[in-house]
Amino acid sequence: MGRYVVRRLLQMIPVFIGATLLVFLMMYALPGDPVRALYGERSVDEAQIAAIKAELGLDLPLMQQYWNYLLGVFQGDFGTQIASRRPVMDVITQALPATIRLTVLAFLITVVLGVGMGLVAGLRRGGKTDRAILFVTLIFISVPVFVIGYAYQNFFANTLGWTTPTVRDPEAWTQLILPAMVLASLSLAYVARLTRTSIAENARADYMRTAKAKGLSRPRAVTVHLMRNSLIPVVTFLGVDIGNLMAGAIVTEGIFNVQGIGSAVYRALSFREGATVVGIVTFMIVVYLVVTLLVDLLYAVLDPRIRYA
């Protein structure tokens, strides 16, 4: 196990470098001057622009800028905003709690409803319940998230009055339930369908027939044997989906006015704050890599036959 973890950590290094380099080049190698863009159409002294670039290191060759950025990341420095000279880490620290709350709620909704719906549909494959679940999940997959968001907002907030149409207090978990439902809608649909397929296939496996022949009760056979073997592909999807939920919060946070990571990225893109975008995306890459490693290690818990060398 220890050698496997070390090997995976070493594999993360080129992935991290490649992903961050790609994002860095997309933000800084594109035509346009982010410093000059701060002043819009106003005239500005070229010496002042040059001084700002020198202060932020933007006058250096591109690859040297990236190397300096990498050195700063390993020291906990994710860059500095151009306009405010504010450390990007401060932006992440301020915006992250709201996004974490939203992501946690969305993840719980995805796991509970998605796995539950998939289990029911898989055990009743071909029945009315199965067809109804497939129809509902197809709607979630087909309809864009921003359409679902405005539909939920209008129905649950404006029509029924169960909640507020926008989040006024991001620290209140109850106000985040509606945006979390919107954020989880697509993932929930995929998890339900993936669970249904896995349950339906494993329900006909030899070990299930053996469990029934040995007199094992149906609930115990389903929970102990069927669920553990069927959840491996679902866990794989859920592990990657944590990062997808955090990244997908950009649209949801915009609809419900949640001041989180998504809103910070949107504002940074609007004002061409490349350092903020690169810093936040770098943070998301780290989250992806760590979660992927944890998911791989979780396989051995679900299936004791899996061993790591």
C-alpha atoms as a PDB file:
ATOM      1  CA  MET A   1       0.000   0.000   0.000  1.00  0.00           C
ATOM      2  CA  GLY A   2       2.773   2.443   0.910  1.00  0.00           C
ATOM      3  CA  ARG A   3       4.633   1.878  -2.358  1.00  0.00           C
ATOM      4  CA  TYR A   4       1.399   2.341  -4.292  1.00  0.00           C
ATOM      5  CA  VAL A   5       0.687   5.682  -2.603  1.00  0.00           C
ATOM      6  CA  VAL A   6       4.226   6.898  -3.304  1.00  0.00           C
ATOM      7  CA  ARG A   7       3.921   5.820  -6.942  1.00  0.00           C
ATOM      8  CA  ARG A   8       0.607   7.612  -7.319  1.00  0.00           C
ATOM      9  CA  LEU A   9       2.001  10.774  -5.744  1.00  0.00           C
ATOM     10  CA  LEU A  10       4.868  10.704  -8.229  1.00  0.00           C
ATOM     11  CA  GLN A  11       2.382  10.253 -11.080  1.00  0.00           C
ATOM     12  CA  MET A  12       0.518  13.337  -9.905  1.00  0.00           C
ATOM     13  CA  ILE A  13       3.532  15.588 -10.517  1.00  0.00           C
ATOM     14  CA  PRO A  14       3.495  15.531 -14.368  1.00  0.00           C
ATOM     15  CA  VAL A  15      -0.320  15.739 -14.343  1.00  0.00           C
ATOM     16  CA  PHE A  16      -0.195  18.784 -12.086  1.00  0.00           C
ATOM     17  CA  ILE A  17       2.516  20.466 -14.150  1.00  0.00           C
ATOM     18  CA  GLY A  18       0.779  19.743 -17.461  1.00  0.00           C
ATOM     19  CA  ALA A  19      -2.644  20.958 -16.297  1.00  0.00           C
ATOM     20  CA  THR A  20      -1.379  24.136 -14.632  1.00  0.00           C
ATOM     21  CA  LEU A  21       0.897  24.928 -17.579  1.00  0.00           C
ATOM     22  CA  LEU A  22      -2.026  24.619 -19.984  1.00  0.00           C
ATOM     23  CA  VAL A  23      -4.197  26.970 -17.914  1.00  0.00           C
ATOM     24  CA  PHE A  24      -1.297  29.381 -17.434  1.00  0.00           C
ATOM     25  CA  LEU A  25      -0.630  29.564 -21.172  1.00  0.00           C
ATOM     26  CA  MET A  26      -4.332  30.022 -21.934  1.00  0.00           C
ATOM     27  CA  MET A  27      -4.489  33.039 -19.643  1.00  0.00           C
ATOM     28  CA  TYR A  28      -1.140  34.704 -20.363  1.00  0.00           C
ATOM     29  CA  ALA A  29      -0.208  33.659 -23.902  1.00  0.00           C
ATOM     30  CA  LEU A  30      -3.427  34.919 -25.496  1.00  0.00           C
ATOM     31  CA  PRO A  31      -3.330  38.287 -27.285  1.00  0.00           C
ATOM     32  CA  GLY A  32      -4.000  41.297 -25.094  1.00  0.00           C
ATOM     33  CA  ASP A  33      -2.395  43.096 -22.186  1.00  0.00           C
ATOM     34  CA  PRO A  34      -4.104  42.395 -18.814  1.00  0.00           C
ATOM     35  CA  VAL A  35      -2.437  45.421 -17.204  1.00  0.00           C
ATOM     36  CA  ARG A  36      -3.547  47.816 -19.941  1.00  0.00           C
ATOM     37  CA  ALA A  37      -7.040  46.287 -19.833  1.00  0.00           C
ATOM     38  CA  LEU A  38      -7.427  47.646 -16.284  1.00  0.00           C
ATOM     39  CA  TYR A  39      -7.570  51.190 -17.647  1.00  0.00           C
ATOM     40  CA  GLY A  40     -10.066  50.495 -20.407  1.00  0.00           C
ATOM     41  CA  GLU A  41     -10.218  53.332 -22.927  1.00  0.00           C
ATOM     42  CA  ARG A  42      -8.394  55.795 -20.681  1.00  0.00           C
ATOM     43  CA  SER A  43      -4.957  56.990 -21.682  1.00  0.00           C
ATOM     44  CA  VAL A  44      -2.182  55.805 -19.422  1.00  0.00           C
ATOM     45  CA  ASP A  45       1.535  56.398 -19.163  1.00  0.00           C
ATOM     46  CA  GLU A  46       3.563  53.538 -20.635  1.00  0.00           C
ATOM     47  CA  ALA A  47       6.063  53.910 -17.818  1.00  0.00           C
ATOM     48  CA  GLN A  48       3.314  53.239 -15.291  1.00  0.00           C
ATOM     49  CA  ILE A  49       2.258  50.080 -17.135  1.00  0.00           C
ATOM     50  CA  ALA A  50       5.873  48.929 -17.288  1.00  0.00           C
ATOM     51  CA  ALA A  51       6.266  49.540 -13.548  1.00  0.00           C
ATOM     52  CA  ILE A  52       3.183  47.445 -12.738  1.00  0.00           C
ATOM     53  CA  LYS A  53       4.428  44.616 -14.959  1.00  0.00           C
ATOM     54  CA  ALA A  54       7.823  44.710 -13.311  1.00  0.00           C
ATOM     55  CA  GLU A  55       6.239  44.650  -9.858  1.00  0.00           C
ATOM     56  CA  LEU A  56       4.127  41.590 -10.717  1.00  0.00           C
ATOM     57  CA  GLY A  57       6.797  39.872 -12.781  1.00  0.00           C
ATOM     58  CA  LEU A  58       4.783  40.115 -15.992  1.00  0.00           C
ATOM     59  CA  ASP A  59       7.726  41.545 -17.905  1.00  0.00           C
ATOM     60  CA  LEU A  60       9.648  38.272 -17.664  1.00  0.00           C
ATOM     61  CA  PRO A  61       9.632  35.549 -20.340  1.00  0.00           C
ATOM     62  CA  LEU A  62       6.492  33.447 -20.203  1.00  0.00           C
ATOM     63  CA  MET A  63       8.130  30.203 -19.068  1.00  0.00           C
ATOM     64  CA  GLN A  64      10.052  32.032 -16.367  1.00  0.00           C
ATOM     65  CA  GLN A  65       6.768  33.504 -15.154  1.00  0.00           C
ATOM     66  CA  TYR A  66       5.332  29.982 -14.985  1.00  0.00           C
ATOM     67  CA  TRP A  67       8.392  28.686 -13.118  1.00  0.00           C
ATOM     68  CA  ASN A  68       8.111  31.501 -10.581  1.00  0.00           C
ATOM     69  CA  TYR A  69       4.416  30.727 -10.218  1.00  0.00           C
ATOM     70  CA  LEU A  70       5.131  27.043  -9.519  1.00  0.00           C
ATOM     71  CA  LEU A  71       7.711  27.948  -6.884  1.00  0.00           C
ATOM     72  CA  GLY A  72       5.162  30.240  -5.243  1.00  0.00           C
ATOM     73  CA  VAL A  73       2.436  27.559  -5.284  1.00  0.00           C
ATOM     74  CA  PHE A  74       4.621  25.114  -3.368  1.00  0.00           C
ATOM     75  CA  GLN A  75       5.091  27.883  -0.789  1.00  0.00           C
ATOM     76  CA  GLY A  76       1.353  28.547  -0.545  1.00  0.00           C
ATOM     77  CA  ASP A  77       1.417  31.622  -2.813  1.00  0.00           C
ATOM     78  CA  PHE A  78      -1.113  31.360  -5.659  1.00  0.00           C
ATOM     79  CA  GLY A  79      -0.274  34.721  -7.179  1.00  0.00           C
ATOM     80  CA  THR A  80      -1.407  38.318  -6.784  1.00  0.00           C
ATOM     81  CA  GLN A  81      -4.347  40.133  -8.347  1.00  0.00           C
ATOM     82  CA  ILE A  82      -3.327  42.807 -10.833  1.00  0.00           C
ATOM     83  CA  ALA A  83      -5.838  45.495  -9.913  1.00  0.00           C
ATOM     84  CA  SER A  84      -5.984  45.251  -6.119  1.00  0.00           C
ATOM     85  CA  ARG A  85      -2.561  43.652  -5.440  1.00  0.00           C
ATOM     86  CA  ARG A  86      -4.512  41.267  -3.242  1.00  0.00           C
ATOM     87  CA  PRO A  87      -3.089  37.745  -2.788  1.00  0.00           C
ATOM     88  CA  VAL A  88      -5.140  35.205  -4.729  1.00  0.00           C
ATOM     89  CA  MET A  89      -5.029  32.902  -1.704  1.00  0.00           C
ATOM     90  CA  ASP A  90      -7.055  35.496   0.209  1.00  0.00           C
ATOM     91  CA  VAL A  91      -9.690  35.412  -2.556  1.00  0.00           C
ATOM     92  CA  ILE A  92      -9.815  31.612  -2.389  1.00  0.00           C
ATOM     93  CA  THR A  93      -9.995  31.611   1.411  1.00  0.00           C
ATOM     94  CA  GLN A  94     -12.876  34.084   1.408  1.00  0.00           C
ATOM     95  CA  ALA A  95     -14.880  32.385  -1.346  1.00  0.00           C
ATOM     96  CA  LEU A  96     -14.168  28.738  -0.523  1.00  0.00           C
ATOM     97  CA  PRO A  97     -16.442  28.235   2.525  1.00  0.00           C
ATOM     98  CA  ALA A  98     -19.622  29.051   0.594  1.00  0.00           C
ATOM     99  CA  THR A  99     -18.623  26.755  -2.262  1.00  0.00           C
ATOM    100  CA  ILE A 100     -17.711  23.946   0.143  1.00  0.00           C
ATOM    101  CA  ARG A 101     -21.120  24.160   1.819  1.00  0.00           C
ATOM    102  CA  LEU A 102     -22.856  24.162  -1.540  1.00  0.00           C
ATOM    103  CA  THR A 103     -20.735  21.266  -2.827  1.00  0.00           C
ATOM    104  CA  VAL A 104     -21.248  19.178   0.321  1.00  0.00           C
ATOM    105  CA  LEU A 105     -25.023  19.572   0.135  1.00  0.00           C
ATOM    106  CA  ALA A 106     -25.042  18.811  -3.595  1.00  0.00           C
ATOM    107  CA  PHE A 107     -22.832  15.761  -3.036  1.00  0.00           C
ATOM    108  CA  LEU A 108     -25.104  14.424  -0.280  1.00  0.00           C
ATOM    109  CA  ILE A 109     -28.154  14.896  -2.496  1.00  0.00           C
ATOM    110  CA  THR A 110     -26.352  13.121  -5.335  1.00  0.00           C
ATOM    111  CA  VAL A 111     -25.342  10.166  -3.163  1.00  0.00           C
ATOM    112  CA  VAL A 112     -28.616   9.695  -1.286  1.00  0.00           C
ATOM    113  CA  LEU A 113     -31.079  10.298  -4.112  1.00  0.00           C
ATOM    114  CA  GLY A 114     -28.888   9.080  -6.966  1.00  0.00           C
ATOM    115  CA  VAL A 115     -27.853   5.780  -5.388  1.00  0.00           C
ATOM    116  CA  GLY A 116     -31.334   5.287  -3.916  1.00  0.00           C
ATOM    117  CA  MET A 117     -33.094   5.847  -7.229  1.00  0.00           C
ATOM    118  CA  GLY A 118     -30.582   3.653  -9.037  1.00  0.00           C
ATOM    119  CA  LEU A 119     -31.010   0.849  -6.518  1.00  0.00           C
ATOM    120  CA  VAL A 120     -34.798   0.886  -6.819  1.00  0.00           C
ATOM    121  CA  ALA A 121     -34.656   1.055 -10.617  1.00  0.00           C
ATOM    122  CA  GLY A 122     -32.062  -1.735 -10.835  1.00  0.00           C
ATOM    123  CA  LEU A 123     -34.021  -4.088  -8.584  1.00  0.00           C
ATOM    124  CA  ARG A 124     -37.223  -3.358 -10.534  1.00  0.00           C
ATOM    125  CA  ARG A 125     -35.731  -3.252 -13.997  1.00  0.00           C
ATOM    126  CA  GLY A 126     -38.367  -3.012 -16.719  1.00  0.00           C
ATOM    127  CA  GLY A 127     -41.157  -1.993 -14.339  1.00  0.00           C
ATOM    128  CA  LYS A 128     -43.088   1.239 -14.082  1.00  0.00           C
ATOM    129  CA  THR A 129     -40.819   2.598 -11.356  1.00  0.00           C
ATOM    130  CA  ASP A 130     -37.761   1.905 -13.486  1.00  0.00           C
ATOM    131  CA  ARG A 131     -39.250   3.674 -16.497  1.00  0.00           C
ATOM    132  CA  ALA A 132     -40.306   6.650 -14.368  1.00  0.00           C
ATOM    133  CA  ILE A 133     -36.795   7.041 -12.930  1.00  0.00           C
ATOM    134  CA  LEU A 134     -35.243   6.771 -16.391  1.00  0.00           C
ATOM    135  CA  PHE A 135     -37.619   9.464 -17.652  1.00  0.00           C
ATOM    136  CA  VAL A 136     -36.826  11.852 -14.772  1.00  0.00           C
ATOM    137  CA  THR A 137     -33.075  11.368 -15.108  1.00  0.00           C
ATOM    138  CA  LEU A 138     -33.311  11.877 -18.864  1.00  0.00           C
ATOM    139  CA  ILE A 139     -34.892  15.287 -18.232  1.00  0.00           C
ATOM    140  CA  PHE A 140     -32.072  16.252 -15.856  1.00  0.00           C
ATOM    141  CA  ILE A 141     -29.480  15.190 -18.425  1.00  0.00           C
ATOM    142  CA  SER A 142     -31.170  16.909 -21.359  1.00  0.00           C
ATOM    143  CA  VAL A 143     -32.140  20.254 -19.831  1.00  0.00           C
ATOM    144  CA  PRO A 144     -29.301  22.788 -19.249  1.00  0.00           C
ATOM    145  CA  VAL A 145     -28.453  23.571 -15.647  1.00  0.00           C
ATOM    146  CA  PHE A 146     -29.318  27.272 -15.954  1.00  0.00           C
ATOM    147  CA  VAL A 147     -32.820  26.346 -17.190  1.00  0.00           C
ATOM    148  CA  ILE A 148     -33.320  23.949 -14.277  1.00  0.00           C
ATOM    149  CA  GLY A 149     -32.030  26.639 -11.925  1.00  0.00           C
ATOM    150  CA  TYR A 150     -34.515  29.265 -13.036  1.00  0.00           C
ATOM    151  CA  ALA A 151     -37.341  26.687 -13.064  1.00  0.00           C
ATOM    152  CA  TYR A 152     -36.572  25.631  -9.480  1.00  0.00           C
ATOM    153  CA  GLN A 153     -36.194  29.254  -8.465  1.00  0.00           C
ATOM    154  CA  ASN A 154     -39.575  30.192  -9.896  1.00  0.00           C
ATOM    155  CA  PHE A 155     -41.447  27.145  -8.580  1.00  0.00           C
ATOM    156  CA  PHE A 156     -40.018  26.580  -5.099  1.00  0.00           C
ATOM    157  CA  ALA A 157     -39.216  30.205  -4.206  1.00  0.00           C
ATOM    158  CA  ASN A 158     -41.643  32.417  -6.109  1.00  0.00           C
ATOM    159  CA  THR A 159     -44.661  30.100  -6.419  1.00  0.00           C
ATOM    160  CA  LEU A 160     -44.543  27.973  -3.271  1.00  0.00           C
ATOM    161  CA  GLY A 161     -42.554  30.416  -1.151  1.00  0.00           C
ATOM    162  CA  TRP A 162     -40.590  27.637   0.540  1.00  0.00           C
ATOM    163  CA  THR A 163     -37.285  29.453   0.284  1.00  0.00           C
ATOM    164  CA  THR A 164     -35.705  32.684  -0.927  1.00  0.00           C
ATOM    165  CA  PRO A 165     -35.004  33.075  -4.673  1.00  0.00           C
ATOM    166  CA  THR A 166     -31.408  34.129  -3.942  1.00  0.00           C
ATOM    167  CA  VAL A 167     -29.015  33.250  -1.143  1.00  0.00           C
ATOM    168  CA  ARG A 168     -28.780  36.154   1.273  1.00  0.00           C
ATOM    169  CA  ASP A 169     -26.712  34.397   3.923  1.00  0.00           C
ATOM    170  CA  PRO A 170     -24.237  31.840   2.477  1.00  0.00           C
ATOM    171  CA  GLU A 171     -23.539  30.573   6.003  1.00  0.00           C
ATOM    172  CA  ALA A 172     -27.165  29.409   6.368  1.00  0.00           C
ATOM    173  CA  TRP A 173     -27.320  25.809   5.157  1.00  0.00           C
ATOM    174  CA  THR A 174     -31.085  25.978   4.646  1.00  0.00           C
ATOM    175  CA  GLN A 175     -30.721  28.727   2.040  1.00  0.00           C
ATOM    176  CA  LEU A 176     -28.276  26.572   0.100  1.00  0.00           C
ATOM    177  CA  ILE A 177     -30.629  23.599  -0.301  1.00  0.00           C
ATOM    178  CA  LEU A 178     -32.278  24.919  -3.468  1.00  0.00           C
ATOM    179  CA  PRO A 179     -29.035  25.814  -5.295  1.00  0.00           C
ATOM    180  CA  ALA A 180     -27.576  22.488  -4.125  1.00  0.00           C
ATOM    181  CA  MET A 181     -30.508  20.662  -5.725  1.00  0.00           C
ATOM    182  CA  VAL A 182     -29.824  22.488  -8.979  1.00  0.00           C
ATOM    183  CA  LEU A 183     -26.098  21.802  -8.798  1.00  0.00           C
ATOM    184  CA  ALA A 184     -26.694  18.116  -8.065  1.00  0.00           C
ATOM    185  CA  SER A 185     -29.325  17.545 -10.767  1.00  0.00           C
ATOM    186  CA  LEU A 186     -26.981  16.395 -13.554  1.00  0.00           C
ATOM    187  CA  SER A 187     -24.736  14.328 -11.289  1.00  0.00           C
ATOM    188  CA  LEU A 188     -27.765  12.767  -9.623  1.00  0.00           C
ATOM    189  CA  ALA A 189     -29.085  11.621 -12.993  1.00  0.00           C
ATOM    190  CA  TYR A 190     -25.768  10.034 -14.007  1.00  0.00           C
ATOM    191  CA  VAL A 191     -25.330   8.333 -10.617  1.00  0.00           C
ATOM    192  CA  ALA A 192     -28.875   6.948 -10.729  1.00  0.00           C
ATOM    193  CA  ARG A 193     -28.382   5.502 -14.212  1.00  0.00           C
ATOM    194  CA  LEU A 194     -24.930   4.142 -13.424  1.00  0.00           C
ATOM    195  CA  THR A 195     -26.171   2.533 -10.202  1.00  0.00           C
ATOM    196  CA  ARG A 196     -29.198   1.069 -11.996  1.00  0.00           C
ATOM    197  CA  THR A 197     -27.047  -0.549 -14.677  1.00  0.00           C
ATOM    198  CA  SER A 198     -24.538  -1.931 -12.167  1.00  0.00           C
ATOM    199  CA  ILE A 199     -27.242  -3.268  -9.839  1.00  0.00           C
ATOM    200  CA  ALA A 200     -29.169  -4.908 -12.681  1.00  0.00           C
ATOM    201  CA  GLU A 201     -26.034  -6.642 -14.005  1.00  0.00           C
ATOM    202  CA  ASN A 202     -24.775  -7.874 -10.644  1.00  0.00           C
ATOM    203  CA  ALA A 203     -28.231  -9.039  -9.554  1.00  0.00           C
ATOM    204  CA  ARG A 204     -27.920 -11.840 -12.121  1.00  0.00           C
ATOM    205  CA  ALA A 205     -24.374 -12.777 -11.096  1.00  0.00           C
ATOM    206  CA  ASP A 206     -23.458 -16.216  -9.758  1.00  0.00           C
ATOM    207  CA  TYR A 207     -22.608 -14.980  -6.287  1.00  0.00           C
ATOM    208  CA  MET A 208     -26.144 -13.601  -5.875  1.00  0.00           C
ATOM    209  CA  ARG A 209     -27.663 -16.941  -6.839  1.00  0.00           C
ATOM    210  CA  THR A 210     -25.298 -18.611  -4.382  1.00  0.00           C
ATOM    211  CA  ALA A 211     -26.333 -16.206  -1.622  1.00  0.00           C
ATOM    212  CA  LYS A 212     -29.989 -16.970  -2.236  1.00  0.00           C
ATOM    213  CA  ALA A 213     -29.306 -20.711  -2.338  1.00  0.00           C
ATOM    214  CA  LYS A 214     -27.589 -20.495   1.047  1.00  0.00           C
ATOM    215  CA  GLY A 215     -30.756 -18.978   2.487  1.00  0.00           C
ATOM    216  CA  LEU A 216     -29.477 -15.422   2.880  1.00  0.00           C
ATOM    217  CA  SER A 217     -32.336 -12.944   3.246  1.00  0.00           C
ATOM    218  CA  ARG A 218     -32.939 -10.585   0.320  1.00  0.00           C
ATOM    219  CA  PRO A 219     -32.153  -7.377   2.266  1.00  0.00           C
ATOM    220  CA  ARG A 220     -28.855  -8.836   3.518  1.00  0.00           C
ATOM    221  CA  ALA A 221     -27.927 -10.177   0.085  1.00  0.00           C
ATOM    222  CA  VAL A 222     -28.584  -6.761  -1.441  1.00  0.00           C
ATOM    223  CA  THR A 223     -26.782  -4.668   1.164  1.00  0.00           C
ATOM    224  CA  VAL A 224     -23.794  -6.932   1.889  1.00  0.00           C
ATOM    225  CA  HIS A 225     -23.091  -8.490  -1.495  1.00  0.00           C
ATOM    226  CA  LEU A 226     -24.931  -6.687  -4.284  1.00  0.00           C
ATOM    227  CA  MET A 227     -24.344  -3.104  -3.162  1.00  0.00           C
ATOM    228  CA  ARG A 228     -20.627  -3.492  -2.382  1.00  0.00           C
ATOM    229  CA  ASN A 229     -19.837  -4.977  -5.772  1.00  0.00           C
ATOM    230  CA  SER A 230     -22.086  -2.561  -7.651  1.00  0.00           C
ATOM    231  CA  LEU A 231     -20.787   0.635  -6.052  1.00  0.00           C
ATOM    232  CA  ILE A 232     -17.218   0.502  -7.410  1.00  0.00           C
ATOM    233  CA  PRO A 233     -18.031   2.313 -10.707  1.00  0.00           C
ATOM    234  CA  VAL A 234     -20.338   4.648  -8.799  1.00  0.00           C
ATOM    235  CA  VAL A 235     -17.593   5.559  -6.321  1.00  0.00           C
ATOM    236  CA  THR A 236     -15.266   6.260  -9.245  1.00  0.00           C
ATOM    237  CA  PHE A 237     -17.778   8.686 -10.715  1.00  0.00           C
ATOM    238  CA  LEU A 238     -18.546  10.313  -7.363  1.00  0.00           C
ATOM    239  CA  GLY A 239     -14.868  10.865  -6.632  1.00  0.00           C
ATOM    240  CA  VAL A 240     -14.301  12.747  -9.860  1.00  0.00           C
ATOM    241  CA  ASP A 241     -17.652  14.472  -9.492  1.00  0.00           C
ATOM    242  CA  ILE A 242     -16.581  16.332  -6.351  1.00  0.00           C
ATOM    243  CA  GLY A 243     -14.323  18.469  -8.498  1.00  0.00           C
ATOM    244  CA  ASN A 244     -17.019  18.745 -11.160  1.00  0.00           C
ATOM    245  CA  LEU A 245     -19.492  20.039  -8.591  1.00  0.00           C
ATOM    246  CA  MET A 246     -17.067  22.700  -7.391  1.00  0.00           C
ATOM    247  CA  ALA A 247     -16.289  23.735 -10.966  1.00  0.00           C
ATOM    248  CA  GLY A 248     -19.923  23.583 -12.039  1.00  0.00           C
ATOM    249  CA  ALA A 249     -20.900  25.919  -9.234  1.00  0.00           C
ATOM    250  CA  ILE A 250     -20.056  28.886 -11.493  1.00  0.00           C
ATOM    251  CA  VAL A 251     -23.497  28.823 -13.159  1.00  0.00           C
ATOM    252  CA  THR A 252     -25.423  27.861 -10.027  1.00  0.00           C
ATOM    253  CA  GLU A 253     -23.741  30.492  -7.881  1.00  0.00           C
ATOM    254  CA  GLY A 254     -24.519  33.087 -10.522  1.00  0.00           C
ATOM    255  CA  ILE A 255     -28.227  32.182 -10.582  1.00  0.00           C
ATOM    256  CA  PHE A 256     -28.630  32.212  -6.789  1.00  0.00           C
ATOM    257  CA  ASN A 257     -26.081  34.963  -6.040  1.00  0.00           C
ATOM    258  CA  VAL A 258     -23.832  32.732  -3.955  1.00  0.00           C
ATOM    259  CA  GLN A 259     -20.494  34.484  -3.394  1.00  0.00           C
ATOM    260  CA  GLY A 260     -18.243  31.465  -3.788  1.00  0.00           C
ATOM    261  CA  ILE A 261     -15.453  30.151  -5.983  1.00  0.00           C
ATOM    262  CA  GLY A 262     -17.652  30.203  -9.084  1.00  0.00           C
ATOM    263  CA  SER A 263     -18.504  33.864  -8.636  1.00  0.00           C
ATOM    264  CA  ALA A 264     -14.830  34.686  -8.034  1.00  0.00           C
ATOM    265  CA  VAL A 265     -13.833  32.971 -11.301  1.00  0.00           C
ATOM    266  CA  TYR A 266     -16.584  34.773 -13.211  1.00  0.00           C
ATOM    267  CA  ARG A 267     -15.512  38.166 -11.892  1.00  0.00           C
ATOM    268  CA  ALA A 268     -11.873  37.388 -12.624  1.00  0.00           C
ATOM    269  CA  LEU A 269     -12.668  36.427 -16.215  1.00  0.00           C
ATOM    270  CA  SER A 270     -14.765  39.564 -16.659  1.00  0.00           C
ATOM    271  CA  PHE A 271     -11.888  41.795 -15.539  1.00  0.00           C
ATOM    272  CA  ARG A 272      -9.155  39.669 -17.127  1.00  0.00           C
ATOM    273  CA  GLU A 273      -7.592  38.869 -13.765  1.00  0.00           C
ATOM    274  CA  GLY A 274      -5.522  35.990 -15.075  1.00  0.00           C
ATOM    275  CA  ALA A 275      -3.697  35.429 -11.786  1.00  0.00           C
ATOM    276  CA  THR A 276      -6.994  34.821  -9.986  1.00  0.00           C
ATOM    277  CA  VAL A 277      -8.242  32.371 -12.608  1.00  0.00           C
ATOM    278  CA  VAL A 278      -4.962  30.456 -12.679  1.00  0.00           C
ATOM    279  CA  GLY A 279      -4.760  30.361  -8.881  1.00  0.00           C
ATOM    280  CA  ILE A 280      -8.307  29.078  -8.419  1.00  0.00           C
ATOM    281  CA  VAL A 281      -7.954  26.506 -11.193  1.00  0.00           C
ATOM    282  CA  THR A 282      -4.673  25.327  -9.654  1.00  0.00           C
ATOM    283  CA  PHE A 283      -6.467  24.841  -6.364  1.00  0.00           C
ATOM    284  CA  MET A 284      -9.176  22.840  -8.154  1.00  0.00           C
ATOM    285  CA  ILE A 285      -6.536  20.652  -9.814  1.00  0.00           C
ATOM    286  CA  VAL A 286      -5.080  19.816  -6.413  1.00  0.00           C
ATOM    287  CA  VAL A 287      -8.563  18.875  -5.188  1.00  0.00           C
ATOM    288  CA  TYR A 288      -9.060  16.603  -8.207  1.00  0.00           C
ATOM    289  CA  LEU A 289      -5.749  14.819  -7.675  1.00  0.00           C
ATOM    290  CA  VAL A 290      -6.245  14.274  -3.938  1.00  0.00           C
ATOM    291  CA  VAL A 291      -9.811  13.018  -4.331  1.00  0.00           C
ATOM    292  CA  THR A 292      -8.790  10.669  -7.149  1.00  0.00           C
ATOM    293  CA  LEU A 293      -6.131   9.128  -4.911  1.00  0.00           C
ATOM    294  CA  LEU A 294      -8.613   8.682  -2.053  1.00  0.00           C
ATOM    295  CA  VAL A 295     -11.114   7.038  -4.404  1.00  0.00           C
ATOM    296  CA  ASP A 296      -8.500   4.547  -5.598  1.00  0.00           C
ATOM    297  CA  LEU A 297      -7.697   3.644  -1.999  1.00  0.00           C
ATOM    298  CA  LEU A 298     -11.409   3.249  -1.239  1.00  0.00           C
ATOM    299  CA  TYR A 299     -11.693   0.444  -3.798  1.00  0.00           C
ATOM    300  CA  ALA A 300      -9.980  -1.940  -1.389  1.00  0.00           C
ATOM    301  CA  VAL A 301     -12.628  -1.182   1.236  1.00  0.00           C
ATOM    302  CA  LEU A 302     -15.479  -1.979  -1.149  1.00  0.00           C
ATOM    303  CA  ASP A 303     -13.855  -5.040  -2.700  1.00  0.00           C
ATOM    304  CA  PRO A 304     -11.406  -6.986  -0.474  1.00  0.00           C
ATOM    305  CA  ARG A 305     -10.099  -8.812  -3.574  1.00  0.00           C
ATOM    306  CA  ILE A 306      -8.338  -5.617  -4.657  1.00  0.00           C
ATOM    307  CA  ARG A 307      -4.764  -5.404  -3.459  1.00  0.00           C
ATOM    308  CA  TYR A 308      -2.223  -2.631  -3.979  1.00  0.00           C
ATOM    309  CA  ALA A 309       1.399  -3.492  -4.602  1.00  0.00           C
END
